[in-house]
Amino acid sequence: MSGTSMATPHVAGVAALWAEKLRNQGMLSVPESVRSAIKSHAVRQRLLTDDINAIGVGLVQAPQV
């Protein structure tokens, strides 16, 4: 119950929130727009390992209301 198996549903939920926010702002919520919003708002985390492939872009952030 850890790793990508648990991260995936959380990121999918945040992606839905970003799609809704973009649509409400009159922006086209195409997958690339949502992906860009998620990546640009992610918070980089300090590596706990020397394996650079162990993390992605960072900690996912839901949009501000």
PDB file of N, CA and C in Angstrom:
ATOM      1  N   MET A   1       0.815  -1.175   0.000  1.00  0.00           N
ATOM      2  CA  MET A   1       0.000   0.000   0.000  1.00  0.00           C
ATOM      3  C   MET A   1       0.870   1.253   0.000  1.00  0.00           C
ATOM      4  N   SER A   2       1.782   1.327  -0.964  1.00  0.00           N
ATOM      5  CA  SER A   2       2.638   2.510  -1.063  1.00  0.00           C
ATOM      6  C   SER A   2       3.078   2.695  -2.509  1.00  0.00           C
ATOM      7  N   GLY A   3       3.815   3.751  -2.742  1.00  0.00           N
ATOM      8  CA  GLY A   3       4.376   3.998  -4.064  1.00  0.00           C
ATOM      9  C   GLY A   3       3.341   4.449  -5.070  1.00  0.00           C
ATOM     10  N   THR A   4       3.597   4.128  -6.328  1.00  0.00           N
ATOM     11  CA  THR A   4       2.722   4.609  -7.404  1.00  0.00           C
ATOM     12  C   THR A   4       1.312   4.054  -7.301  1.00  0.00           C
ATOM     13  N   SER A   5       1.158   2.870  -6.684  1.00  0.00           N
ATOM     14  CA  SER A   5      -0.185   2.307  -6.540  1.00  0.00           C
ATOM     15  C   SER A   5      -1.074   3.203  -5.696  1.00  0.00           C
ATOM     16  N   MET A   6      -0.514   3.887  -4.740  1.00  0.00           N
ATOM     17  CA  MET A   6      -1.280   4.788  -3.885  1.00  0.00           C
ATOM     18  C   MET A   6      -1.250   6.224  -4.408  1.00  0.00           C
ATOM     19  N   ALA A   7      -0.200   6.597  -5.110  1.00  0.00           N
ATOM     20  CA  ALA A   7      -0.087   7.969  -5.620  1.00  0.00           C
ATOM     21  C   ALA A   7      -1.031   8.206  -6.799  1.00  0.00           C
ATOM     22  N   THR A   8      -1.233   7.214  -7.625  1.00  0.00           N
ATOM     23  CA  THR A   8      -2.029   7.376  -8.838  1.00  0.00           C
ATOM     24  C   THR A   8      -3.445   7.883  -8.578  1.00  0.00           C
ATOM     25  N   PRO A   9      -4.215   7.299  -7.636  1.00  0.00           N
ATOM     26  CA  PRO A   9      -5.567   7.825  -7.426  1.00  0.00           C
ATOM     27  C   PRO A   9      -5.569   9.253  -6.879  1.00  0.00           C
ATOM     28  N   HIS A  10      -4.563   9.598  -6.105  1.00  0.00           N
ATOM     29  CA  HIS A  10      -4.484  10.964  -5.580  1.00  0.00           C
ATOM     30  C   HIS A  10      -4.210  11.962  -6.705  1.00  0.00           C
ATOM     31  N   VAL A  11      -3.275  11.641  -7.565  1.00  0.00           N
ATOM     32  CA  VAL A  11      -2.949  12.536  -8.673  1.00  0.00           C
ATOM     33  C   VAL A  11      -4.115  12.622  -9.644  1.00  0.00           C
ATOM     34  N   ALA A  12      -4.813  11.523  -9.850  1.00  0.00           N
ATOM     35  CA  ALA A  12      -5.988  11.557 -10.734  1.00  0.00           C
ATOM     36  C   ALA A  12      -7.062  12.499 -10.178  1.00  0.00           C
ATOM     37  N   GLY A  13      -7.261  12.482  -8.872  1.00  0.00           N
ATOM     38  CA  GLY A  13      -8.218  13.388  -8.252  1.00  0.00           C
ATOM     39  C   GLY A  13      -7.801  14.836  -8.395  1.00  0.00           C
ATOM     40  N   VAL A  14      -6.513  15.118  -8.192  1.00  0.00           N
ATOM     41  CA  VAL A  14      -6.006  16.483  -8.344  1.00  0.00           C
ATOM     42  C   VAL A  14      -6.120  16.924  -9.806  1.00  0.00           C
ATOM     43  N   ALA A  15      -5.887  16.007 -10.733  1.00  0.00           N
ATOM     44  CA  ALA A  15      -6.032  16.337 -12.158  1.00  0.00           C
ATOM     45  C   ALA A  15      -7.472  16.748 -12.468  1.00  0.00           C
ATOM     46  N   ALA A  16      -8.442  16.069 -11.864  1.00  0.00           N
ATOM     47  CA  ALA A  16      -9.846  16.430 -12.071  1.00  0.00           C
ATOM     48  C   ALA A  16     -10.137  17.830 -11.518  1.00  0.00           C
ATOM     49  N   LEU A  17      -9.544  18.157 -10.371  1.00  0.00           N
ATOM     50  CA  LEU A  17      -9.727  19.496  -9.801  1.00  0.00           C
ATOM     51  C   LEU A  17      -9.117  20.568 -10.699  1.00  0.00           C
ATOM     52  N   TRP A  18      -7.928  20.276 -11.262  1.00  0.00           N
ATOM     53  CA  TRP A  18      -7.300  21.243 -12.180  1.00  0.00           C
ATOM     54  C   TRP A  18      -8.138  21.409 -13.442  1.00  0.00           C
ATOM     55  N   ALA A  19      -8.662  20.301 -13.976  1.00  0.00           N
ATOM     56  CA  ALA A  19      -9.499  20.383 -15.188  1.00  0.00           C
ATOM     57  C   ALA A  19     -10.723  21.247 -14.919  1.00  0.00           C
ATOM     58  N   GLU A  20     -11.341  21.073 -13.749  1.00  0.00           N
ATOM     59  CA  GLU A  20     -12.503  21.889 -13.405  1.00  0.00           C
ATOM     60  C   GLU A  20     -12.135  23.358 -13.265  1.00  0.00           C
ATOM     61  N   LYS A  21     -11.010  23.646 -12.590  1.00  0.00           N
ATOM     62  CA  LYS A  21     -10.594  25.041 -12.420  1.00  0.00           C
ATOM     63  C   LYS A  21     -10.302  25.695 -13.769  1.00  0.00           C
ATOM     64  N   LEU A  22      -9.581  25.004 -14.629  1.00  0.00           N
ATOM     65  CA  LEU A  22      -9.253  25.555 -15.945  1.00  0.00           C
ATOM     66  C   LEU A  22     -10.523  25.812 -16.755  1.00  0.00           C
ATOM     67  N   ARG A  23     -11.461  24.877 -16.701  1.00  0.00           N
ATOM     68  CA  ARG A  23     -12.715  25.043 -17.429  1.00  0.00           C
ATOM     69  C   ARG A  23     -13.511  26.231 -16.884  1.00  0.00           C
ATOM     70  N   ASN A  24     -13.539  26.392 -15.561  1.00  0.00           N
ATOM     71  CA  ASN A  24     -14.261  27.514 -14.947  1.00  0.00           C
ATOM     72  C   ASN A  24     -13.624  28.858 -15.263  1.00  0.00           C
ATOM     73  N   GLN A  25     -12.334  28.863 -15.555  1.00  0.00           N
ATOM     74  CA  GLN A  25     -11.634  30.096 -15.920  1.00  0.00           C
ATOM     75  C   GLN A  25     -11.731  30.371 -17.417  1.00  0.00           C
ATOM     76  N   GLY A  26     -12.478  29.523 -18.128  1.00  0.00           N
ATOM     77  CA  GLY A  26     -12.650  29.711 -19.559  1.00  0.00           C
ATOM     78  C   GLY A  26     -11.476  29.200 -20.376  1.00  0.00           C
ATOM     79  N   MET A  27     -10.567  28.486 -19.725  1.00  0.00           N
ATOM     80  CA  MET A  27      -9.425  27.916 -20.445  1.00  0.00           C
ATOM     81  C   MET A  27      -9.807  26.521 -20.920  1.00  0.00           C
ATOM     82  N   LEU A  28      -9.273  26.155 -22.034  1.00  0.00           N
ATOM     83  CA  LEU A  28      -9.534  24.836 -22.579  1.00  0.00           C
ATOM     84  C   LEU A  28      -8.826  23.796 -21.720  1.00  0.00           C
ATOM     85  N   SER A  29      -9.578  22.899 -21.117  1.00  0.00           N
ATOM     86  CA  SER A  29      -8.955  21.906 -20.238  1.00  0.00           C
ATOM     87  C   SER A  29      -8.614  20.632 -21.008  1.00  0.00           C
ATOM     88  N   VAL A  30      -7.721  20.767 -21.963  1.00  0.00           N
ATOM     89  CA  VAL A  30      -7.211  19.614 -22.691  1.00  0.00           C
ATOM     90  C   VAL A  30      -6.154  18.941 -21.819  1.00  0.00           C
ATOM     91  N   PRO A  31      -5.855  17.683 -22.054  1.00  0.00           N
ATOM     92  CA  PRO A  31      -4.886  16.993 -21.204  1.00  0.00           C
ATOM     93  C   PRO A  31      -3.563  17.750 -21.025  1.00  0.00           C
ATOM     94  N   GLU A  32      -3.055  18.386 -22.079  1.00  0.00           N
ATOM     95  CA  GLU A  32      -1.771  19.087 -21.953  1.00  0.00           C
ATOM     96  C   GLU A  32      -1.876  20.273 -20.993  1.00  0.00           C
ATOM     97  N   SER A  33      -3.010  20.977 -20.989  1.00  0.00           N
ATOM     98  CA  SER A  33      -3.209  22.097 -20.067  1.00  0.00           C
ATOM     99  C   SER A  33      -3.230  21.614 -18.626  1.00  0.00           C
ATOM    100  N   VAL A  34      -3.924  20.507 -18.391  1.00  0.00           N
ATOM    101  CA  VAL A  34      -4.003  19.940 -17.042  1.00  0.00           C
ATOM    102  C   VAL A  34      -2.628  19.457 -16.606  1.00  0.00           C
ATOM    103  N   ARG A  35      -1.939  18.744 -17.480  1.00  0.00           N
ATOM    104  CA  ARG A  35      -0.588  18.244 -17.176  1.00  0.00           C
ATOM    105  C   ARG A  35       0.355  19.390 -16.861  1.00  0.00           C
ATOM    106  N   SER A  36       0.290  20.444 -17.623  1.00  0.00           N
ATOM    107  CA  SER A  36       1.147  21.608 -17.413  1.00  0.00           C
ATOM    108  C   SER A  36       0.855  22.264 -16.066  1.00  0.00           C
ATOM    109  N   ALA A  37      -0.432  22.406 -15.717  1.00  0.00           N
ATOM    110  CA  ALA A  37      -0.805  23.005 -14.432  1.00  0.00           C
ATOM    111  C   ALA A  37      -0.293  22.163 -13.270  1.00  0.00           C
ATOM    112  N   ILE A  38      -0.435  20.849 -13.369  1.00  0.00           N
ATOM    113  CA  ILE A  38       0.034  19.958 -12.303  1.00  0.00           C
ATOM    114  C   ILE A  38       1.549  20.083 -12.136  1.00  0.00           C
ATOM    115  N   LYS A  39       2.278  20.032 -13.250  1.00  0.00           N
ATOM    116  CA  LYS A  39       3.742  20.100 -13.181  1.00  0.00           C
ATOM    117  C   LYS A  39       4.237  21.446 -12.666  1.00  0.00           C
ATOM    118  N   SER A  40       3.605  22.531 -13.110  1.00  0.00           N
ATOM    119  CA  SER A  40       4.096  23.853 -12.728  1.00  0.00           C
ATOM    120  C   SER A  40       3.775  24.208 -11.273  1.00  0.00           C
ATOM    121  N   HIS A  41       2.828  23.516 -10.652  1.00  0.00           N
ATOM    122  CA  HIS A  41       2.482  23.795  -9.264  1.00  0.00           C
ATOM    123  C   HIS A  41       3.019  22.747  -8.290  1.00  0.00           C
ATOM    124  N   ALA A  42       3.669  21.708  -8.793  1.00  0.00           N
ATOM    125  CA  ALA A  42       4.228  20.675  -7.919  1.00  0.00           C
ATOM    126  C   ALA A  42       5.359  21.268  -7.073  1.00  0.00           C
ATOM    127  N   VAL A  43       5.464  20.775  -5.857  1.00  0.00           N
ATOM    128  CA  VAL A  43       6.500  21.244  -4.929  1.00  0.00           C
ATOM    129  C   VAL A  43       7.618  20.212  -4.899  1.00  0.00           C
ATOM    130  N   ARG A  44       8.816  20.653  -5.297  1.00  0.00           N
ATOM    131  CA  ARG A  44       9.965  19.739  -5.298  1.00  0.00           C
ATOM    132  C   ARG A  44      10.291  19.303  -3.883  1.00  0.00           C
ATOM    133  N   GLN A  45      10.630  18.044  -3.735  1.00  0.00           N
ATOM    134  CA  GLN A  45      10.961  17.472  -2.444  1.00  0.00           C
ATOM    135  C   GLN A  45      12.438  17.108  -2.391  1.00  0.00           C
ATOM    136  N   ARG A  46      12.979  17.170  -1.205  1.00  0.00           N
ATOM    137  CA  ARG A  46      14.370  16.752  -1.011  1.00  0.00           C
ATOM    138  C   ARG A  46      14.449  15.242  -1.243  1.00  0.00           C
ATOM    139  N   LEU A  47      15.449  14.817  -1.984  1.00  0.00           N
ATOM    140  CA  LEU A  47      15.614  13.391  -2.242  1.00  0.00           C
ATOM    141  C   LEU A  47      16.011  12.658  -0.972  1.00  0.00           C
ATOM    142  N   LEU A  48      15.353  11.551  -0.707  1.00  0.00           N
ATOM    143  CA  LEU A  48      15.698  10.718   0.434  1.00  0.00           C
ATOM    144  C   LEU A  48      16.565   9.540   0.003  1.00  0.00           C
ATOM    145  N   THR A  49      16.927   9.545  -1.255  1.00  0.00           N
ATOM    146  CA  THR A  49      17.739   8.483  -1.817  1.00  0.00           C
ATOM    147  C   THR A  49      18.659   9.084  -2.868  1.00  0.00           C
ATOM    148  N   ASP A  50      19.691   8.360  -3.227  1.00  0.00           N
ATOM    149  CA  ASP A  50      20.590   8.822  -4.284  1.00  0.00           C
ATOM    150  C   ASP A  50      20.031   8.506  -5.673  1.00  0.00           C
ATOM    151  N   ASP A  51      18.946   7.719  -5.728  1.00  0.00           N
ATOM    152  CA  ASP A  51      18.350   7.327  -6.999  1.00  0.00           C
ATOM    153  C   ASP A  51      17.491   8.469  -7.536  1.00  0.00           C
ATOM    154  N   ILE A  52      18.002   9.205  -8.521  1.00  0.00           N
ATOM    155  CA  ILE A  52      17.302  10.354  -9.090  1.00  0.00           C
ATOM    156  C   ILE A  52      15.998   9.941  -9.756  1.00  0.00           C
ATOM    157  N   ASN A  53      15.863   8.671 -10.142  1.00  0.00           N
ATOM    158  CA  ASN A  53      14.642   8.180 -10.780  1.00  0.00           C
ATOM    159  C   ASN A  53      13.561   7.807  -9.763  1.00  0.00           C
ATOM    160  N   ALA A  54      13.852   7.990  -8.474  1.00  0.00           N
ATOM    161  CA  ALA A  54      12.914   7.587  -7.430  1.00  0.00           C
ATOM    162  C   ALA A  54      11.758   8.567  -7.275  1.00  0.00           C
ATOM    163  N   ILE A  55      11.895   9.779  -7.814  1.00  0.00           N
ATOM    164  CA  ILE A  55      10.813  10.753  -7.686  1.00  0.00           C
ATOM    165  C   ILE A  55      10.457  11.307  -9.046  1.00  0.00           C
ATOM    166  N   GLY A  56       9.307  11.900  -9.123  1.00  0.00           N
ATOM    167  CA  GLY A  56       8.871  12.522 -10.365  1.00  0.00           C
ATOM    168  C   GLY A  56       9.113  14.019 -10.312  1.00  0.00           C
ATOM    169  N   VAL A  57       8.086  14.777 -10.618  1.00  0.00           N
ATOM    170  CA  VAL A  57       8.177  16.231 -10.663  1.00  0.00           C
ATOM    171  C   VAL A  57       8.175  16.826  -9.261  1.00  0.00           C
ATOM    172  N   GLY A  58       7.460  16.208  -8.338  1.00  0.00           N
ATOM    173  CA  GLY A  58       7.366  16.720  -6.976  1.00  0.00           C
ATOM    174  C   GLY A  58       6.028  16.345  -6.342  1.00  0.00           C
ATOM    175  N   LEU A  59       5.724  17.000  -5.237  1.00  0.00           N
ATOM    176  CA  LEU A  59       4.492  16.745  -4.511  1.00  0.00           C
ATOM    177  C   LEU A  59       3.337  17.468  -5.198  1.00  0.00           C
ATOM    178  N   VAL A  60       2.339  16.720  -5.612  1.00  0.00           N
ATOM    179  CA  VAL A  60       1.209  17.281  -6.341  1.00  0.00           C
ATOM    180  C   VAL A  60       0.446  18.264  -5.456  1.00  0.00           C
ATOM    181  N   GLN A  61      -0.040  19.360  -6.064  1.00  0.00           N
ATOM    182  CA  GLN A  61      -0.786  20.383  -5.341  1.00  0.00           C
ATOM    183  C   GLN A  61      -2.137  20.602  -6.001  1.00  0.00           C
ATOM    184  N   ALA A  62      -3.183  20.596  -5.212  1.00  0.00           N
ATOM    185  CA  ALA A  62      -4.511  20.917  -5.737  1.00  0.00           C
ATOM    186  C   ALA A  62      -4.582  22.418  -5.984  1.00  0.00           C
ATOM    187  N   PRO A  63      -5.423  22.840  -6.917  1.00  0.00           N
ATOM    188  CA  PRO A  63      -5.544  24.282  -7.184  1.00  0.00           C
ATOM    189  C   PRO A  63      -6.174  25.015  -6.013  1.00  0.00           C
ATOM    190  N   GLN A  64      -5.803  26.288  -5.867  1.00  0.00           N
ATOM    191  CA  GLN A  64      -6.405  27.132  -4.828  1.00  0.00           C
ATOM    192  C   GLN A  64      -7.820  27.482  -5.256  1.00  0.00           C
ATOM    193  N   VAL A  65      -8.693  27.560  -4.316  1.00  0.00           N
ATOM    194  CA  VAL A  65     -10.104  27.888  -4.599  1.00  0.00           C
ATOM    195  C   VAL A  65     -10.247  29.357  -4.903  1.00  0.00           C
TER     196      VAL A  65
END
